[in-house]
Amino acid sequence: MDLSQDAFAQVKLENLPTQPGVYLLKDEDGKIIYVGKAKSLKSRVKSYFQSGVEHPRTQALVSRIKDFESMIFASLLKSRIS
């Protein structure tokens, strides 16, 4: 499943909150392949699926993403502590 083409994934991306938090990117087996933090979850996670991702390492990561989760925190500081 290509997240950029999947209708369910598009809805999930659009419904991400704009608050700070942590996101988990998962592969086809549901295994977490990347954990990131962001000031705006929506902007950061959506950025993976925009055209123009140029860095080879990022392209390789994006090709493996099949699902994601997010957790909202009151601030980035709290996301670092948890």
C-alpha atoms as a PDB file:
ATOM      1  CA  MET A   1       0.000   0.000   0.000  1.00  0.00           C
ATOM      2  CA  ASP A   2       1.403   3.364  -1.016  1.00  0.00           C
ATOM      3  CA  LEU A   3       0.393   5.900   1.631  1.00  0.00           C
ATOM      4  CA  SER A   4       0.442   8.739  -0.850  1.00  0.00           C
ATOM      5  CA  GLN A   5      -2.184   6.937  -2.985  1.00  0.00           C
ATOM      6  CA  ASP A   6      -4.231   5.233  -0.255  1.00  0.00           C
ATOM      7  CA  ALA A   7      -7.536   7.007   0.515  1.00  0.00           C
ATOM      8  CA  PHE A   8      -7.579   5.895   4.174  1.00  0.00           C
ATOM      9  CA  ALA A   9      -4.026   7.144   4.642  1.00  0.00           C
ATOM     10  CA  GLN A  10      -4.951  10.488   3.071  1.00  0.00           C
ATOM     11  CA  VAL A  11      -7.801  10.907   5.557  1.00  0.00           C
ATOM     12  CA  LYS A  12      -5.457   9.929   8.379  1.00  0.00           C
ATOM     13  CA  LEU A  13      -2.877  12.481   7.209  1.00  0.00           C
ATOM     14  CA  GLU A  14      -5.488  15.237   6.932  1.00  0.00           C
ATOM     15  CA  ASN A  15      -6.760  14.517  10.441  1.00  0.00           C
ATOM     16  CA  LEU A  16      -3.371  14.740  12.125  1.00  0.00           C
ATOM     17  CA  PRO A  17      -3.282  17.412  14.811  1.00  0.00           C
ATOM     18  CA  THR A  18      -1.202  20.558  14.451  1.00  0.00           C
ATOM     19  CA  GLN A  19       0.018  20.245  18.039  1.00  0.00           C
ATOM     20  CA  PRO A  20       3.522  19.112  19.022  1.00  0.00           C
ATOM     21  CA  GLY A  21       4.173  15.454  19.588  1.00  0.00           C
ATOM     22  CA  VAL A  22       5.846  12.257  18.512  1.00  0.00           C
ATOM     23  CA  TYR A  23       5.151  10.147  15.437  1.00  0.00           C
ATOM     24  CA  LEU A  24       5.908   6.506  14.733  1.00  0.00           C
ATOM     25  CA  LEU A  25       6.426   5.365  11.154  1.00  0.00           C
ATOM     26  CA  LYS A  26       5.763   1.671  10.528  1.00  0.00           C
ATOM     27  CA  ASP A  27       6.603  -0.852   7.808  1.00  0.00           C
ATOM     28  CA  GLU A  28       4.329  -3.474   6.243  1.00  0.00           C
ATOM     29  CA  ASP A  29       4.765  -5.787   9.260  1.00  0.00           C
ATOM     30  CA  GLY A  30       3.724  -3.041  11.684  1.00  0.00           C
ATOM     31  CA  LYS A  31       7.308  -2.723  12.917  1.00  0.00           C
ATOM     32  CA  ILE A  32       8.339   0.788  13.962  1.00  0.00           C
ATOM     33  CA  ILE A  33      11.022   1.944  11.540  1.00  0.00           C
ATOM     34  CA  TYR A  34      11.322   5.561  12.669  1.00  0.00           C
ATOM     35  CA  VAL A  35      10.365   7.691  15.667  1.00  0.00           C
ATOM     36  CA  GLY A  36      10.322  11.448  15.251  1.00  0.00           C
ATOM     37  CA  LYS A  37       9.184  14.537  17.101  1.00  0.00           C
ATOM     38  CA  ALA A  38       7.577  17.638  15.669  1.00  0.00           C
ATOM     39  CA  LYS A  39       6.257  21.060  16.595  1.00  0.00           C
ATOM     40  CA  SER A  40       3.329  20.347  14.267  1.00  0.00           C
ATOM     41  CA  LEU A  41       2.578  16.664  13.712  1.00  0.00           C
ATOM     42  CA  LYS A  42       0.449  17.399  10.663  1.00  0.00           C
ATOM     43  CA  SER A  43       3.103  19.441   8.864  1.00  0.00           C
ATOM     44  CA  ARG A  44       5.952  17.095   9.682  1.00  0.00           C
ATOM     45  CA  VAL A  45       4.306  13.773   8.824  1.00  0.00           C
ATOM     46  CA  LYS A  46       2.745  15.168   5.641  1.00  0.00           C
ATOM     47  CA  SER A  47       6.173  16.423   4.543  1.00  0.00           C
ATOM     48  CA  TYR A  48       7.309  12.829   4.002  1.00  0.00           C
ATOM     49  CA  PHE A  49       4.710  12.435   1.260  1.00  0.00           C
ATOM     50  CA  GLN A  50       5.303  15.678  -0.627  1.00  0.00           C
ATOM     51  CA  SER A  51       7.070  15.513  -3.965  1.00  0.00           C
ATOM     52  CA  GLY A  52      10.658  16.624  -3.943  1.00  0.00           C
ATOM     53  CA  VAL A  53      12.035  14.449  -1.129  1.00  0.00           C
ATOM     54  CA  GLU A  54      15.617  14.393  -2.337  1.00  0.00           C
ATOM     55  CA  HIS A  55      17.846  12.789   0.275  1.00  0.00           C
ATOM     56  CA  PRO A  56      18.406   9.095  -0.610  1.00  0.00           C
ATOM     57  CA  ARG A  57      18.098   7.990   3.018  1.00  0.00           C
ATOM     58  CA  THR A  58      14.742   9.767   3.342  1.00  0.00           C
ATOM     59  CA  GLN A  59      13.541   8.306   0.035  1.00  0.00           C
ATOM     60  CA  ALA A  60      14.437   4.816   1.278  1.00  0.00           C
ATOM     61  CA  LEU A  61      12.559   5.411   4.530  1.00  0.00           C
ATOM     62  CA  VAL A  62       9.474   6.764   2.756  1.00  0.00           C
ATOM     63  CA  SER A  63       9.371   3.746   0.447  1.00  0.00           C
ATOM     64  CA  ARG A  64       9.025   1.494   3.507  1.00  0.00           C
ATOM     65  CA  ILE A  65       6.312   3.489   5.331  1.00  0.00           C
ATOM     66  CA  LYS A  66       2.979   1.658   5.333  1.00  0.00           C
ATOM     67  CA  ASP A  67       1.343   3.164   8.427  1.00  0.00           C
ATOM     68  CA  PHE A  68       1.950   5.708  11.178  1.00  0.00           C
ATOM     69  CA  GLU A  69       0.771   6.696  14.648  1.00  0.00           C
ATOM     70  CA  SER A  70       1.078   9.939  16.532  1.00  0.00           C
ATOM     71  CA  MET A  71       1.011  11.041  20.162  1.00  0.00           C
ATOM     72  CA  ILE A  72       0.236  14.620  21.185  1.00  0.00           C
ATOM     73  CA  PHE A  73       2.268  16.330  23.903  1.00  0.00           C
ATOM     74  CA  ALA A  74       1.724  19.735  25.482  1.00  0.00           C
ATOM     75  CA  SER A  75       5.194  20.753  24.299  1.00  0.00           C
ATOM     76  CA  LEU A  76       8.277  19.332  22.602  1.00  0.00           C
ATOM     77  CA  LEU A  77       9.984  19.310  25.991  1.00  0.00           C
ATOM     78  CA  LYS A  78       7.407  16.828  27.290  1.00  0.00           C
ATOM     79  CA  SER A  79       7.903  14.655  24.206  1.00  0.00           C
ATOM     80  CA  ARG A  80      11.618  14.447  25.024  1.00  0.00           C
ATOM     81  CA  ILE A  81      10.937  13.443  28.621  1.00  0.00           C
ATOM     82  CA  SER A  82       8.321  10.753  27.940  1.00  0.00           C
END
